[in-house]
Amino acid sequence: MDAQMVEALRGIVGPQHVLTEIEDILPYGFDGTAALKGRAGAVVFPHSTEEVAACVRLARENRVPVVPRGSGTGLSGGSVPVDGCLVLCVAQMDRIFEVDERNLTLHAQCGVLTKAVDDAALKVGLFYPPDPGSMKISTIGGNVAENSGGLRGLKYGVTRDYVMAVRVVLPDGTETWLGNKCVKDVAGYSMKDLFVGSEGTLGLITEVMLKLVPRPKARRTMLALYDSMEAAAETISAIIAARIIPCTLEFLDRVTVGCVEDYAKIGLPTDVEALVLMETDGHPVVVEEEAAEMMALAKKHGAREVKAAADEDEGARLAAARRNAFSALARIRPTTILEDVTVPRSELARMVAFINQVAKKHRLQVGTFGHLGDGNLHPTFLTNELDKDEMHRVELALEDIVDETIKLGGTVTGEHGVGLAKKAFVKKQLGEGSYELMRTIKRSLDPEGLFNPGKMFDL
């Protein structure tokens, strides 16, 4: 990046908010995705939509690619820079403008942490349900750009279900506000939804307006232990068939349970084939009824033990078994590759068994956990990126898993996004027509291909 452009960037955001030295920009050369790296030409920290727009216009004039970035917690390479690009890091755009109790909305800048959104809602007795595993450090703008999911997705849905409006800077530097506080609005195309899950390829989301809901009055957490994954999957099917929609239905396989217990010392038996975390929330009477029925169904369908938390503190300790899964697995080998596929719930047991077969076939160590209630699995490869042969076997294993996922009517990503990591598989799932439609939209909004280039697909 030439000195004249760097000086212009300093004039827009201030000299202290522009990084150009190699040692300063290296930490912004990767995200949470293993083995994907790049080197930006400069990293800039804007504080307002106006500053973002000015930086984008300057980059376009100089034909410099722009890569949006929040906290860099993504797991598909969505914020990995292309060499020489301008990284717009929005982490300092962290103002919450309004919590509107009358309309149940919250208006914030894109750099606000996800947990801070829910904490702000909590102060007035409201609730922001989406809870990605990175919620303590991920930004809400990144969540919207990736359409993040989380443990409560079965009952409450994903980020898209809570986005009422966004402010976006388009690739030509134009600012636009899409959406409003209205519960009903069918005027024209739903343009805000085009940007939810667009992974920064169509524009940079600078502000969000989110829907809040009343906070549940009660919650009950339970843990069920199984000697077979099939029994765990049958329990989930039975719970849904009983017209119970828990806020959480999560599972860990044997490998993951062993790692979690070694890491967190929760007191879990390590000889189980599956551990299922169940949570229900809502009115206290309904919560107690649903908890009792869920425990009975778990026992009926083969759980060797079912435990209910005595209080919220114990519930948090039980839930830690699931929330610590990735951290526990990451301790085993130098490189941890957390994957993300989703299949119909009816195919869960078959898919988990297939993942185990693939691990044996390619001589790999894999732990699997995920959202049993919505079919979202996270096969996690424990490997070493310096071992080229092993990494090649990881690639072959992932191809096998993706092919089986599509065969079973699933999707190549349930919540992590496509980015760089999954773009080779997108056309295989979507087909030629849908794939070309996405590329047409990209060309329409970003004809020069300067906004987060190479993510999702290549132009």
Protein backbone atom coordinates (compact mmCIF):
# COMPACT_ATOMS: atom_id res chain seq x y z
CA MET A 1 0.00 0.00 0.00
CA ASP A 2 1.53 3.31 -1.03
CA ALA A 3 2.49 6.03 1.44
CA GLN A 4 -0.01 8.52 0.02
CA MET A 5 -2.96 6.23 0.73
CA VAL A 6 -1.66 5.46 4.23
CA GLU A 7 -1.41 9.17 4.94
CA ALA A 8 -4.98 9.67 3.70
CA LEU A 9 -6.19 6.89 6.01
CA ARG A 10 -4.47 8.61 8.93
CA GLY A 11 -6.30 11.78 8.02
CA ILE A 12 -9.65 9.95 8.19
CA VAL A 13 -9.31 8.01 11.46
CA GLY A 14 -6.26 9.55 13.15
CA PRO A 15 -2.62 8.34 13.01
CA GLN A 16 -2.99 6.20 16.15
CA HIS A 17 -5.72 4.14 14.47
CA VAL A 18 -3.68 3.02 11.45
CA LEU A 19 -1.24 0.08 11.61
CA THR A 20 1.28 -0.57 8.84
CA GLU A 21 4.36 -2.11 10.49
CA ILE A 22 4.69 -5.86 9.94
CA GLU A 23 4.91 -6.72 13.64
CA ASP A 24 1.73 -4.70 14.29
CA ILE A 25 -0.39 -6.15 11.46
CA LEU A 26 0.64 -9.80 11.82
CA PRO A 27 -2.02 -10.54 14.50
CA TYR A 28 -4.66 -9.45 11.97
CA GLY A 29 -3.44 -11.95 9.38
CA PHE A 30 -5.59 -14.84 10.59
CA ASP A 31 -8.83 -15.62 12.41
CA GLY A 32 -9.98 -18.68 14.39
CA THR A 33 -9.59 -20.97 11.37
CA ALA A 34 -6.54 -23.21 11.40
CA ALA A 35 -3.88 -22.96 8.67
CA LEU A 36 -5.33 -19.91 6.86
CA LYS A 37 -3.20 -16.76 6.82
CA GLY A 38 -2.62 -13.55 4.86
CA ARG A 39 -0.88 -10.20 5.29
CA ALA A 40 -2.74 -6.91 5.07
CA GLY A 41 -1.20 -3.74 3.68
CA ALA A 42 -2.72 -1.75 6.55
CA VAL A 43 -5.13 -2.25 9.44
CA VAL A 44 -7.46 0.63 10.27
CA PHE A 45 -9.75 1.09 13.30
CA PRO A 46 -12.71 3.33 12.40
CA HIS A 47 -15.13 4.63 15.04
CA SER A 48 -18.17 5.58 12.97
CA THR A 49 -20.08 4.74 9.82
CA GLU A 50 -18.80 7.94 8.26
CA GLU A 51 -15.18 6.92 8.82
CA VAL A 52 -15.86 3.45 7.39
CA ALA A 53 -17.45 4.99 4.30
CA ALA A 54 -14.53 7.38 3.78
CA CYS A 55 -12.02 4.51 4.06
CA VAL A 56 -14.01 2.40 1.59
CA ARG A 57 -14.18 5.23 -0.94
CA LEU A 58 -10.43 5.77 -0.63
CA ALA A 59 -9.74 2.04 -1.10
CA ARG A 60 -11.95 1.94 -4.18
CA GLU A 61 -10.19 4.93 -5.71
CA ASN A 62 -6.87 3.12 -5.25
CA ARG A 63 -8.30 -0.31 -6.25
CA VAL A 64 -7.23 -1.80 -2.92
CA PRO A 65 -9.28 -4.75 -1.61
CA VAL A 66 -11.18 -4.24 1.65
CA VAL A 67 -11.56 -6.99 4.28
CA PRO A 68 -13.95 -6.31 7.20
CA ARG A 69 -12.96 -7.68 10.60
CA GLY A 70 -14.42 -7.80 14.09
CA SER A 71 -12.75 -9.80 16.85
CA GLY A 72 -11.33 -12.36 14.43
CA THR A 73 -13.09 -15.35 16.04
CA GLY A 74 -14.53 -16.70 12.78
CA LEU A 75 -14.08 -20.37 11.94
CA SER A 76 -14.27 -20.32 8.15
CA GLY A 77 -11.59 -17.79 7.21
CA GLY A 78 -14.07 -15.01 6.53
CA SER A 79 -11.83 -12.26 7.93
CA VAL A 80 -8.48 -13.60 6.72
CA PRO A 81 -6.87 -10.79 4.67
CA VAL A 82 -5.74 -11.03 1.08
CA ASP A 83 -2.18 -9.82 0.66
CA GLY A 84 -1.87 -6.04 0.52
CA CYS A 85 -5.51 -5.36 1.40
CA LEU A 86 -7.00 -2.80 3.75
CA VAL A 87 -8.39 -4.47 6.88
CA LEU A 88 -11.19 -2.42 8.45
CA CYS A 89 -11.28 -3.65 12.04
CA VAL A 90 -14.50 -2.46 13.69
CA ALA A 91 -13.67 -3.65 17.22
CA GLN A 92 -13.62 -0.06 18.52
CA MET A 93 -17.11 0.70 17.14
CA ASP A 94 -18.60 -0.51 20.40
CA ARG A 95 -21.41 1.89 21.35
CA ILE A 96 -24.90 0.75 22.32
CA PHE A 97 -27.15 3.62 21.23
CA GLU A 98 -30.48 2.50 22.63
CA VAL A 99 -32.36 -0.25 24.42
CA ASP A 100 -36.02 0.38 23.57
CA GLU A 101 -38.22 -1.35 26.17
CA ARG A 102 -41.45 -0.26 24.47
CA ASN A 103 -40.55 -1.81 21.11
CA LEU A 104 -38.26 -4.57 22.45
CA THR A 105 -35.28 -3.54 20.32
CA LEU A 106 -31.62 -2.70 20.78
CA HIS A 107 -29.59 -0.44 18.47
CA ALA A 108 -25.80 -0.79 18.54
CA GLN A 109 -22.63 -0.36 16.57
CA CYS A 110 -21.21 -3.46 14.92
CA GLY A 111 -18.23 -3.81 17.27
CA VAL A 112 -20.26 -4.39 20.44
CA LEU A 113 -19.53 -7.82 21.92
CA THR A 114 -22.38 -10.30 21.69
CA LYS A 115 -22.47 -10.88 25.44
CA ALA A 116 -22.59 -7.12 26.01
CA VAL A 117 -25.77 -7.04 23.92
CA ASP A 118 -27.41 -9.62 26.17
CA ASP A 119 -26.06 -7.91 29.30
CA ALA A 120 -27.65 -4.63 28.19
CA ALA A 121 -30.94 -6.44 27.59
CA LEU A 122 -30.71 -8.13 31.00
CA LYS A 123 -30.59 -4.76 32.77
CA VAL A 124 -34.19 -4.14 31.71
CA GLY A 125 -35.38 -7.74 32.05
CA LEU A 126 -35.07 -8.60 28.37
CA PHE A 127 -33.17 -11.29 26.48
CA TYR A 128 -31.04 -11.60 23.34
CA PRO A 129 -31.12 -15.37 22.71
CA PRO A 130 -28.44 -16.14 20.05
CA ASP A 131 -25.39 -17.46 21.92
CA PRO A 132 -22.48 -18.54 19.72
CA GLY A 133 -19.68 -20.24 21.61
CA SER A 134 -17.55 -17.13 21.14
CA MET A 135 -20.20 -14.75 22.52
CA LYS A 136 -17.88 -13.32 25.18
CA ILE A 137 -15.44 -12.09 22.52
CA SER A 138 -17.21 -12.07 19.14
CA THR A 139 -18.75 -8.86 17.79
CA ILE A 140 -22.42 -8.52 16.96
CA GLY A 141 -21.56 -7.27 13.45
CA GLY A 142 -19.55 -10.42 12.84
CA ASN A 143 -22.44 -12.51 14.14
CA VAL A 144 -24.80 -10.83 11.67
CA ALA A 145 -22.33 -11.13 8.78
CA GLU A 146 -21.91 -14.86 9.49
CA ASN A 147 -25.53 -15.49 10.63
CA SER A 148 -24.13 -17.13 13.76
CA GLY A 149 -25.99 -19.86 15.62
CA GLY A 150 -25.44 -21.19 19.12
CA LEU A 151 -26.63 -23.58 21.79
CA ARG A 152 -30.11 -22.05 22.05
CA GLY A 153 -30.81 -22.23 18.31
CA LEU A 154 -33.31 -25.11 18.53
CA LYS A 155 -35.88 -23.03 20.42
CA TYR A 156 -34.89 -19.47 19.65
CA GLY A 157 -33.39 -19.60 16.16
CA VAL A 158 -30.22 -17.96 14.88
CA THR A 159 -28.97 -14.40 14.45
CA ARG A 160 -31.06 -13.77 11.31
CA ASP A 161 -34.24 -14.20 13.36
CA TYR A 162 -33.33 -11.17 15.52
CA VAL A 163 -32.08 -8.67 12.95
CA MET A 164 -34.65 -5.93 12.35
CA ALA A 165 -32.39 -3.44 10.59
CA VAL A 166 -28.77 -2.82 9.59
CA ARG A 167 -26.71 0.15 8.50
CA VAL A 168 -24.38 -0.88 5.69
CA VAL A 169 -21.52 0.76 3.80
CA LEU A 170 -21.61 -0.58 0.25
CA PRO A 171 -18.48 -1.28 -1.84
CA ASP A 172 -18.74 2.14 -3.51
CA GLY A 173 -18.78 3.89 -0.11
CA THR A 174 -22.53 4.56 -0.09
CA GLU A 175 -24.22 4.42 3.33
CA THR A 176 -27.66 2.84 3.57
CA TRP A 177 -30.09 1.92 6.37
CA LEU A 178 -32.15 -1.21 5.73
CA GLY A 179 -35.14 -2.13 7.92
CA ASN A 180 -36.88 -0.55 10.93
CA LYS A 181 -38.54 -1.28 14.29
CA CYS A 182 -41.79 -2.48 12.71
CA VAL A 183 -42.75 -6.08 13.42
CA LYS A 184 -44.52 -6.18 10.05
CA ASP A 185 -42.91 -4.66 6.96
CA VAL A 186 -43.37 -6.04 3.44
CA ALA A 187 -42.44 -2.94 1.46
CA GLY A 188 -40.20 -4.15 -1.35
CA TYR A 189 -37.41 -6.69 -1.16
CA SER A 190 -36.18 -7.68 2.30
CA MET A 191 -32.83 -6.03 1.69
CA LYS A 192 -31.49 -6.41 5.23
CA ASP A 193 -31.72 -10.18 4.85
CA LEU A 194 -29.42 -10.02 1.84
CA PHE A 195 -26.64 -8.81 4.13
CA VAL A 196 -27.28 -11.23 6.99
CA GLY A 197 -24.87 -14.10 6.34
CA SER A 198 -23.19 -12.31 3.41
CA GLU A 199 -19.80 -12.65 5.16
CA GLY A 200 -18.67 -9.12 4.31
CA THR A 201 -18.73 -9.76 0.55
CA LEU A 202 -21.52 -7.27 -0.24
CA GLY A 203 -20.81 -4.47 2.20
CA LEU A 204 -19.71 -3.69 5.75
CA ILE A 205 -22.41 -3.73 8.43
CA THR A 206 -21.71 -0.79 10.76
CA GLU A 207 -24.85 -0.73 12.93
CA VAL A 208 -27.54 -3.25 13.86
CA MET A 209 -31.03 -3.08 15.28
CA LEU A 210 -31.93 -6.29 17.08
CA LYS A 211 -35.14 -7.80 18.35
CA LEU A 212 -35.24 -8.62 22.07
CA VAL A 213 -37.66 -10.93 23.86
CA PRO A 214 -38.88 -11.21 27.48
CA ARG A 215 -36.35 -13.00 29.64
CA PRO A 216 -37.42 -16.52 30.71
CA LYS A 217 -38.45 -16.65 34.36
CA ALA A 218 -37.01 -20.11 34.98
CA ARG A 219 -34.49 -22.57 33.53
CA ARG A 220 -33.72 -26.21 34.28
CA THR A 221 -30.57 -28.02 33.19
CA MET A 222 -30.20 -31.81 32.90
CA LEU A 223 -27.48 -34.22 31.84
CA ALA A 224 -28.11 -37.66 30.33
CA LEU A 225 -25.46 -40.34 29.78
CA TYR A 226 -25.70 -43.02 27.08
CA ASP A 227 -23.91 -46.17 26.02
CA SER A 228 -24.87 -45.63 22.38
CA MET A 229 -25.24 -42.63 20.11
CA GLU A 230 -28.36 -44.21 18.60
CA ALA A 231 -30.09 -44.11 21.98
CA ALA A 232 -29.17 -40.46 22.43
CA ALA A 233 -30.55 -39.62 18.97
CA GLU A 234 -33.76 -41.56 19.70
CA THR A 235 -34.23 -39.53 22.88
CA ILE A 236 -34.00 -36.29 20.92
CA SER A 237 -36.57 -37.54 18.41
CA ALA A 238 -38.89 -38.57 21.26
CA ILE A 239 -38.60 -35.16 22.96
CA ILE A 240 -39.48 -33.32 19.74
CA ALA A 241 -42.33 -35.79 19.04
CA ALA A 242 -43.69 -35.00 22.51
CA ARG A 243 -44.06 -31.37 21.36
CA ILE A 244 -41.34 -30.17 23.69
CA ILE A 245 -38.90 -27.63 22.24
CA PRO A 246 -36.05 -27.29 24.75
CA CYS A 247 -33.80 -24.23 24.60
CA THR A 248 -30.77 -26.55 24.47
CA LEU A 249 -30.16 -30.13 23.29
CA GLU A 250 -26.41 -30.63 22.99
CA PHE A 251 -24.16 -33.68 22.84
CA LEU A 252 -20.55 -34.77 23.24
CA ASP A 253 -19.11 -38.04 21.96
CA ARG A 254 -16.73 -40.30 23.94
CA VAL A 255 -13.54 -38.59 22.73
CA THR A 256 -14.87 -35.15 23.63
CA VAL A 257 -16.22 -36.22 27.04
CA GLY A 258 -12.80 -37.60 27.95
CA CYS A 259 -11.06 -34.39 26.91
CA VAL A 260 -13.56 -32.20 28.77
CA GLU A 261 -13.23 -34.19 31.98
CA ASP A 262 -9.46 -34.08 31.80
CA TYR A 263 -9.65 -30.31 31.23
CA ALA A 264 -12.46 -29.14 33.51
CA LYS A 265 -12.69 -31.88 36.19
CA ILE A 266 -16.49 -31.73 36.22
CA GLY A 267 -16.88 -35.34 37.39
CA LEU A 268 -18.08 -36.88 34.13
CA PRO A 269 -17.76 -40.63 33.50
CA THR A 270 -15.41 -41.12 30.56
CA ASP A 271 -16.75 -44.50 29.41
CA VAL A 272 -19.98 -43.13 27.88
CA GLU A 273 -20.61 -43.10 24.12
CA ALA A 274 -22.68 -39.91 24.33
CA LEU A 275 -23.42 -37.18 26.83
CA VAL A 276 -26.54 -35.08 26.22
CA LEU A 277 -27.10 -31.67 27.81
CA MET A 278 -30.77 -30.68 28.00
CA GLU A 279 -32.17 -27.33 29.08
CA THR A 280 -35.71 -26.00 29.19
CA ASP A 281 -36.74 -22.46 30.04
CA GLY A 282 -39.90 -20.39 30.35
CA HIS A 283 -42.66 -20.19 32.99
CA PRO A 284 -41.62 -22.04 36.18
CA VAL A 285 -44.56 -24.46 36.09
CA VAL A 286 -43.98 -25.34 32.42
CA VAL A 287 -40.25 -25.70 33.02
CA GLU A 288 -40.78 -28.24 35.80
CA GLU A 289 -43.29 -30.21 33.70
CA GLU A 290 -41.02 -30.27 30.64
CA ALA A 291 -37.94 -31.17 32.68
CA ALA A 292 -39.71 -34.12 34.28
CA GLU A 293 -40.99 -35.36 30.92
CA MET A 294 -37.60 -34.97 29.23
CA MET A 295 -35.89 -36.94 32.00
CA ALA A 296 -38.50 -39.68 31.73
CA LEU A 297 -38.05 -39.87 27.95
CA ALA A 298 -34.28 -40.05 28.33
CA LYS A 299 -34.57 -42.99 30.72
CA LYS A 300 -37.15 -44.69 28.50
CA HIS A 301 -34.84 -44.48 25.49
CA GLY A 302 -31.77 -45.95 27.09
CA ALA A 303 -30.01 -43.31 29.19
CA ARG A 304 -28.04 -45.10 31.85
CA GLU A 305 -28.13 -42.03 34.08
CA VAL A 306 -30.04 -38.74 34.09
CA LYS A 307 -29.15 -35.90 36.43
CA ALA A 308 -30.97 -32.63 37.02
CA ALA A 309 -29.20 -29.56 38.36
CA ALA A 310 -30.35 -28.56 41.83
CA ASP A 311 -29.92 -24.84 41.16
CA GLU A 312 -28.57 -22.33 38.60
CA ASP A 313 -24.98 -22.68 39.80
CA GLU A 314 -25.03 -26.44 39.33
CA GLY A 315 -26.78 -25.95 35.99
CA ALA A 316 -23.93 -23.70 34.88
CA ARG A 317 -21.41 -26.37 35.91
CA LEU A 318 -23.26 -29.03 33.92
CA ALA A 319 -23.55 -26.73 30.90
CA ALA A 320 -19.80 -26.15 31.14
CA ALA A 321 -19.33 -29.71 29.87
CA ARG A 322 -20.60 -28.55 26.48
CA ARG A 323 -19.25 -25.00 26.52
CA ASN A 324 -15.74 -26.27 27.32
CA ALA A 325 -15.72 -28.81 24.48
CA PHE A 326 -13.63 -26.84 21.99
CA SER A 327 -11.16 -25.58 24.60
CA ALA A 328 -10.71 -29.11 25.94
CA LEU A 329 -10.10 -30.64 22.51
CA ALA A 330 -7.71 -27.85 21.54
CA ARG A 331 -5.27 -28.94 24.26
CA ILE A 332 -4.61 -32.34 22.68
CA ARG A 333 -2.69 -31.51 19.48
CA PRO A 334 -0.99 -28.38 18.08
CA THR A 335 -3.75 -27.71 15.52
CA THR A 336 -7.48 -27.98 16.11
CA ILE A 337 -9.80 -27.82 13.09
CA LEU A 338 -13.39 -27.30 14.20
CA GLU A 339 -15.73 -28.30 11.37
CA ASP A 340 -19.41 -27.62 10.92
CA VAL A 341 -22.01 -29.65 9.02
CA THR A 342 -25.74 -30.08 9.54
CA VAL A 343 -28.02 -32.99 8.67
CA PRO A 344 -31.73 -33.64 9.27
CA ARG A 345 -32.26 -34.77 12.88
CA SER A 346 -33.36 -38.20 11.67
CA GLU A 347 -29.87 -38.76 10.23
CA LEU A 348 -27.85 -37.73 13.28
CA ALA A 349 -26.84 -41.15 14.60
CA ARG A 350 -25.92 -42.30 11.10
CA MET A 351 -23.82 -39.18 10.51
CA VAL A 352 -21.93 -39.48 13.80
CA ALA A 353 -21.16 -43.13 13.02
CA PHE A 354 -19.98 -42.12 9.57
CA ILE A 355 -17.62 -39.50 11.03
CA ASN A 356 -16.11 -42.18 13.28
CA GLN A 357 -15.62 -44.45 10.27
CA VAL A 358 -13.95 -41.63 8.34
CA ALA A 359 -11.59 -40.96 11.26
CA LYS A 360 -10.49 -44.62 11.25
CA LYS A 361 -10.22 -44.73 7.45
CA HIS A 362 -7.87 -41.75 7.33
CA ARG A 363 -6.05 -42.54 10.60
CA LEU A 364 -7.12 -39.30 12.30
CA GLN A 365 -8.12 -38.27 15.81
CA VAL A 366 -11.58 -36.70 15.72
CA GLY A 367 -13.88 -35.60 18.54
CA THR A 368 -17.49 -34.79 17.68
CA PHE A 369 -19.93 -32.57 19.55
CA GLY A 370 -22.71 -30.23 18.58
CA HIS A 371 -26.33 -29.24 18.58
CA LEU A 372 -28.21 -32.54 18.62
CA GLY A 373 -31.57 -30.77 18.63
CA ASP A 374 -31.05 -29.09 15.25
CA GLY A 375 -28.73 -31.61 13.57
CA ASN A 376 -25.64 -29.37 13.63
CA LEU A 377 -22.46 -31.41 14.16
CA HIS A 378 -18.92 -30.22 14.86
CA PRO A 379 -16.43 -32.94 13.95
CA THR A 380 -13.17 -31.60 15.35
CA PHE A 381 -9.88 -32.76 13.86
CA LEU A 382 -6.97 -32.91 16.32
CA THR A 383 -3.90 -32.61 14.15
CA ASN A 384 -0.68 -30.72 13.40
CA GLU A 385 -0.59 -28.31 10.46
CA LEU A 386 3.18 -28.83 10.13
CA ASP A 387 2.56 -32.49 9.25
CA LYS A 388 1.73 -32.18 5.54
CA ASP A 389 0.72 -35.82 5.14
CA GLU A 390 -1.68 -35.66 8.08
CA MET A 391 -3.18 -32.38 6.83
CA HIS A 392 -3.77 -34.00 3.44
CA ARG A 393 -5.62 -36.80 5.18
CA VAL A 394 -7.71 -34.20 7.01
CA GLU A 395 -8.67 -32.69 3.63
CA LEU A 396 -9.69 -36.12 2.30
CA ALA A 397 -11.70 -36.85 5.45
CA LEU A 398 -13.52 -33.52 5.21
CA GLU A 399 -14.44 -34.25 1.57
CA ASP A 400 -15.90 -37.58 2.67
CA ILE A 401 -17.89 -35.92 5.45
CA VAL A 402 -19.21 -33.17 3.18
CA ASP A 403 -20.24 -35.66 0.47
CA GLU A 404 -22.15 -37.75 3.02
CA THR A 405 -23.74 -34.63 4.50
CA ILE A 406 -25.08 -33.55 1.10
CA LYS A 407 -26.20 -37.11 0.33
CA LEU A 408 -28.28 -37.09 3.53
CA GLY A 409 -29.95 -33.80 2.61
CA GLY A 410 -27.76 -31.64 4.82
CA THR A 411 -25.73 -28.45 4.46
CA VAL A 412 -21.97 -27.93 4.37
CA THR A 413 -22.19 -25.28 7.09
CA GLY A 414 -24.83 -24.76 9.74
CA GLU A 415 -23.40 -21.71 11.49
CA HIS A 416 -19.70 -21.06 10.80
CA GLY A 417 -20.17 -19.76 7.27
CA VAL A 418 -18.40 -20.51 4.00
CA GLY A 419 -15.47 -18.08 3.91
CA LEU A 420 -12.35 -19.68 2.50
CA ALA A 421 -12.70 -23.00 4.30
CA LYS A 422 -15.91 -24.23 2.65
CA LYS A 423 -16.10 -22.43 -0.67
CA ALA A 424 -14.93 -25.50 -2.61
CA PHE A 425 -18.12 -27.30 -1.52
CA VAL A 426 -20.76 -24.62 -2.02
CA LYS A 427 -21.60 -25.30 -5.66
CA LYS A 428 -21.89 -29.02 -4.89
CA GLN A 429 -24.66 -28.25 -2.40
CA LEU A 430 -26.45 -25.37 -4.12
CA GLY A 431 -26.28 -26.44 -7.75
CA GLU A 432 -25.38 -24.30 -10.75
CA GLY A 433 -28.45 -22.04 -10.73
CA SER A 434 -28.27 -20.89 -7.08
CA TYR A 435 -24.51 -20.59 -7.23
CA GLU A 436 -24.61 -18.30 -10.28
CA LEU A 437 -27.39 -16.22 -8.73
CA MET A 438 -25.13 -15.47 -5.74
CA ARG A 439 -22.30 -14.48 -8.07
CA THR A 440 -24.68 -12.21 -10.02
CA ILE A 441 -25.67 -10.40 -6.82
CA LYS A 442 -22.01 -10.00 -5.89
CA ARG A 443 -21.17 -8.52 -9.30
CA SER A 444 -24.12 -6.12 -9.07
CA LEU A 445 -23.04 -4.63 -5.74
CA ASP A 446 -19.28 -5.05 -6.10
CA PRO A 447 -18.45 -5.12 -9.83
CA GLU A 448 -14.73 -4.68 -9.20
CA GLY A 449 -14.64 -7.53 -6.68
CA LEU A 450 -12.82 -5.48 -4.04
CA PHE A 451 -14.95 -6.35 -0.99
CA ASN A 452 -13.67 -9.40 0.91
CA PRO A 453 -12.50 -11.02 -2.32
CA GLY A 454 -12.22 -14.78 -2.59
CA LYS A 455 -14.67 -15.50 0.22
CA MET A 456 -17.61 -17.83 -0.50
CA PHE A 457 -16.71 -18.08 -4.22
CA ASP A 458 -14.31 -16.68 -6.79
CA LEU A 459 -15.41 -14.19 -9.43
